[in-house]
C-alpha atoms as a PDB file:
ATOM      1  CA  UNK A   1      -0.070  -0.036  -0.075  1.00  0.00           C
ATOM      2  CA  UNK A   2       2.696   2.531   0.709  1.00  0.00           C
ATOM      3  CA  UNK A   3       4.631   1.663  -2.287  1.00  0.00           C
ATOM      4  CA  UNK A   4       1.370   2.498  -4.255  1.00  0.00           C
ATOM      5  CA  UNK A   5       1.074   5.878  -2.428  1.00  0.00           C
ATOM      6  CA  UNK A   6       4.475   6.657  -3.312  1.00  0.00           C
ATOM      7  CA  UNK A   7       4.113   5.777  -6.855  1.00  0.00           C
ATOM      8  CA  UNK A   8       0.724   7.682  -7.340  1.00  0.00           C
ATOM      9  CA  UNK A   9       2.629  10.870  -5.407  1.00  0.00           C
ATOM     10  CA  UNK A  10       5.361  10.529  -8.031  1.00  0.00           C
ATOM     11  CA  UNK A  11       3.162  10.260 -10.993  1.00  0.00           C
ATOM     12  CA  UNK A  12       1.260  13.385  -9.827  1.00  0.00           C
ATOM     13  CA  UNK A  13       4.582  15.358  -9.400  1.00  0.00           C
ATOM     14  CA  UNK A  14       5.527  14.334 -13.084  1.00  0.00           C
ATOM     15  CA  UNK A  15       2.083  15.489 -14.451  1.00  0.00           C
ATOM     16  CA  UNK A  16       2.343  18.852 -12.615  1.00  0.00           C
ATOM     17  CA  UNK A  17       5.947  19.370 -13.437  1.00  0.00           C
ATOM     18  CA  UNK A  18       5.891  18.781 -17.088  1.00  0.00           C
ATOM     19  CA  UNK A  19       5.702  21.368 -19.840  1.00  0.00           C
ATOM     20  CA  UNK A  20       2.116  21.844 -21.006  1.00  0.00           C
ATOM     21  CA  UNK A  21       1.511  19.535 -24.120  1.00  0.00           C
ATOM     22  CA  UNK A  22      -0.148  22.510 -25.903  1.00  0.00           C
ATOM     23  CA  UNK A  23       2.651  24.980 -25.466  1.00  0.00           C
ATOM     24  CA  UNK A  24       2.672  26.750 -28.967  1.00  0.00           C
ATOM     25  CA  UNK A  25       5.725  26.305 -31.423  1.00  0.00           C
ATOM     26  CA  UNK A  26       6.870  29.714 -32.938  1.00  0.00           C
ATOM     27  CA  UNK A  27       6.684  28.460 -36.375  1.00  0.00           C
ATOM     28  CA  UNK A  28       2.860  28.160 -36.102  1.00  0.00           C
ATOM     29  CA  UNK A  29       2.014  31.736 -35.903  1.00  0.00           C
ATOM     30  CA  UNK A  30       3.975  32.445 -39.498  1.00  0.00           C
ATOM     31  CA  UNK A  31       2.441  31.893 -43.056  1.00  0.00           C
ATOM     32  CA  UNK A  32       0.479  28.613 -43.516  1.00  0.00           C
ATOM     33  CA  UNK A  33       0.822  28.037 -47.217  1.00  0.00           C
ATOM     34  CA  UNK A  34       3.324  28.252 -50.016  1.00  0.00           C
ATOM     35  CA  UNK A  35       2.401  30.042 -53.338  1.00  0.00           C
ATOM     36  CA  UNK A  36       3.480  27.259 -55.745  1.00  0.00           C
ATOM     37  CA  UNK A  37       1.843  28.759 -58.717  1.00  0.00           C
ATOM     38  CA  UNK A  38       5.250  29.288 -60.266  1.00  0.00           C
ATOM     39  CA  UNK A  39       6.599  25.811 -59.585  1.00  0.00           C
ATOM     40  CA  UNK A  40       6.865  23.026 -61.710  1.00  0.00           C
ATOM     41  CA  UNK A  41       4.106  20.474 -62.155  1.00  0.00           C
ATOM     42  CA  UNK A  42       5.654  17.830 -60.186  1.00  0.00           C
ATOM     43  CA  UNK A  43       6.353  20.120 -57.203  1.00  0.00           C
ATOM     44  CA  UNK A  44       2.567  21.131 -57.530  1.00  0.00           C
ATOM     45  CA  UNK A  45       1.660  17.653 -57.140  1.00  0.00           C
ATOM     46  CA  UNK A  46       4.030  16.939 -54.278  1.00  0.00           C
ATOM     47  CA  UNK A  47       2.660  19.953 -52.333  1.00  0.00           C
ATOM     48  CA  UNK A  48      -0.603  18.844 -52.828  1.00  0.00           C
ATOM     49  CA  UNK A  49       0.470  15.748 -50.961  1.00  0.00           C
ATOM     50  CA  UNK A  50       2.593  17.611 -48.362  1.00  0.00           C
ATOM     51  CA  UNK A  51      -0.359  19.906 -47.618  1.00  0.00           C
ATOM     52  CA  UNK A  52      -3.024  17.162 -47.065  1.00  0.00           C
ATOM     53  CA  UNK A  53      -0.462  14.868 -44.720  1.00  0.00           C
ATOM     54  CA  UNK A  54       1.146  17.241 -42.811  1.00  0.00           C
ATOM     55  CA  UNK A  55      -1.620  19.472 -41.636  1.00  0.00           C
ATOM     56  CA  UNK A  56      -3.224  16.436 -40.378  1.00  0.00           C
ATOM     57  CA  UNK A  57      -1.248  16.398 -37.305  1.00  0.00           C
ATOM     58  CA  UNK A  58       0.165  20.227 -37.056  1.00  0.00           C
ATOM     59  CA  UNK A  59      -0.584  23.405 -38.821  1.00  0.00           C
ATOM     60  CA  UNK A  60       1.054  23.476 -42.133  1.00  0.00           C
ATOM     61  CA  UNK A  61       2.568  26.868 -40.833  1.00  0.00           C
ATOM     62  CA  UNK A  62       5.162  24.768 -38.637  1.00  0.00           C
ATOM     63  CA  UNK A  63       6.866  23.009 -41.785  1.00  0.00           C
ATOM     64  CA  UNK A  64       6.281  26.377 -44.042  1.00  0.00           C
ATOM     65  CA  UNK A  65       8.360  28.356 -41.377  1.00  0.00           C
ATOM     66  CA  UNK A  66      11.128  25.608 -40.542  1.00  0.00           C
ATOM     67  CA  UNK A  67      14.114  26.400 -42.128  1.00  0.00           C
ATOM     68  CA  UNK A  68      15.485  23.136 -42.498  1.00  0.00           C
ATOM     69  CA  UNK A  69      18.161  21.894 -45.180  1.00  0.00           C
ATOM     70  CA  UNK A  70      17.459  18.810 -47.098  1.00  0.00           C
ATOM     71  CA  UNK A  71      19.362  16.850 -44.608  1.00  0.00           C
ATOM     72  CA  UNK A  72      17.342  18.138 -41.799  1.00  0.00           C
ATOM     73  CA  UNK A  73      14.095  17.496 -43.788  1.00  0.00           C
ATOM     74  CA  UNK A  74      15.299  13.656 -44.613  1.00  0.00           C
ATOM     75  CA  UNK A  75      15.512  13.062 -40.639  1.00  0.00           C
ATOM     76  CA  UNK A  76      12.344  15.070 -39.717  1.00  0.00           C
ATOM     77  CA  UNK A  77      10.384  12.869 -42.379  1.00  0.00           C
ATOM     78  CA  UNK A  78      11.818   9.660 -41.107  1.00  0.00           C
ATOM     79  CA  UNK A  79      10.485  10.622 -37.858  1.00  0.00           C
ATOM     80  CA  UNK A  80       7.041  11.767 -39.010  1.00  0.00           C
ATOM     81  CA  UNK A  81       6.422   8.737 -40.647  1.00  0.00           C
ATOM     82  CA  UNK A  82       6.827   6.680 -37.560  1.00  0.00           C
ATOM     83  CA  UNK A  83       4.279   8.492 -35.652  1.00  0.00           C
ATOM     84  CA  UNK A  84       1.298   6.508 -34.673  1.00  0.00           C
ATOM     85  CA  UNK A  85      -1.380   7.571 -36.980  1.00  0.00           C
ATOM     86  CA  UNK A  86       0.514   9.444 -39.423  1.00  0.00           C
ATOM     87  CA  UNK A  87      -0.842   7.890 -42.244  1.00  0.00           C
ATOM     88  CA  UNK A  88       2.217   8.449 -44.416  1.00  0.00           C
ATOM     89  CA  UNK A  89       3.310   6.007 -46.629  1.00  0.00           C
ATOM     90  CA  UNK A  90       6.839   5.541 -48.017  1.00  0.00           C
ATOM     91  CA  UNK A  91       5.962   6.980 -51.430  1.00  0.00           C
ATOM     92  CA  UNK A  92       4.137   9.990 -49.956  1.00  0.00           C
ATOM     93  CA  UNK A  93       7.009  10.593 -47.615  1.00  0.00           C
ATOM     94  CA  UNK A  94       9.356  10.676 -50.579  1.00  0.00           C
ATOM     95  CA  UNK A  95       7.173  13.228 -52.423  1.00  0.00           C
ATOM     96  CA  UNK A  96       6.839  15.261 -49.334  1.00  0.00           C
ATOM     97  CA  UNK A  97      10.644  15.300 -48.840  1.00  0.00           C
ATOM     98  CA  UNK A  98      11.350  16.160 -52.652  1.00  0.00           C
ATOM     99  CA  UNK A  99       9.152  19.141 -52.228  1.00  0.00           C
ATOM    100  CA  UNK A 100      10.508  20.432 -49.078  1.00  0.00           C
ATOM    101  CA  UNK A 101      13.798  19.928 -50.684  1.00  0.00           C
ATOM    102  CA  UNK A 102      13.057  21.989 -53.616  1.00  0.00           C
ATOM    103  CA  UNK A 103      11.089  24.600 -51.178  1.00  0.00           C
ATOM    104  CA  UNK A 104      14.366  24.852 -49.275  1.00  0.00           C
ATOM    105  CA  UNK A 105      16.475  25.178 -52.310  1.00  0.00           C
ATOM    106  CA  UNK A 106      13.933  28.041 -53.366  1.00  0.00           C
ATOM    107  CA  UNK A 107      14.531  29.909 -49.960  1.00  0.00           C
ATOM    108  CA  UNK A 108      18.351  29.609 -50.677  1.00  0.00           C
ATOM    109  CA  UNK A 109      18.919  27.253 -47.671  1.00  0.00           C
ATOM    110  CA  UNK A 110      22.032  25.120 -48.412  1.00  0.00           C
ATOM    111  CA  UNK A 111      22.901  21.798 -47.019  1.00  0.00           C
END
């Protein structure tokens, strides 16, 4: 009984000392879309996949405003497809990665 009380107290302490899960990400307050009207057709198609899949779990602004290079995006995409309920196939992840790599290059972000 004493062990259960200690474990319960520890759990309550962890819950109240943790940072709030809904703490806003500063990137979320920036632009939430990309004007792809001047992009090649393949990039426009990849943008559609990116917008549909990435906005499922977080505001699109988060990735639009992230200033990652292609290496960072590759690592990030691997992490995202492993998330429960992400619903991103390997093919879709490759399309999203190709779009984000292209977008980073358009912003002048070097590897």
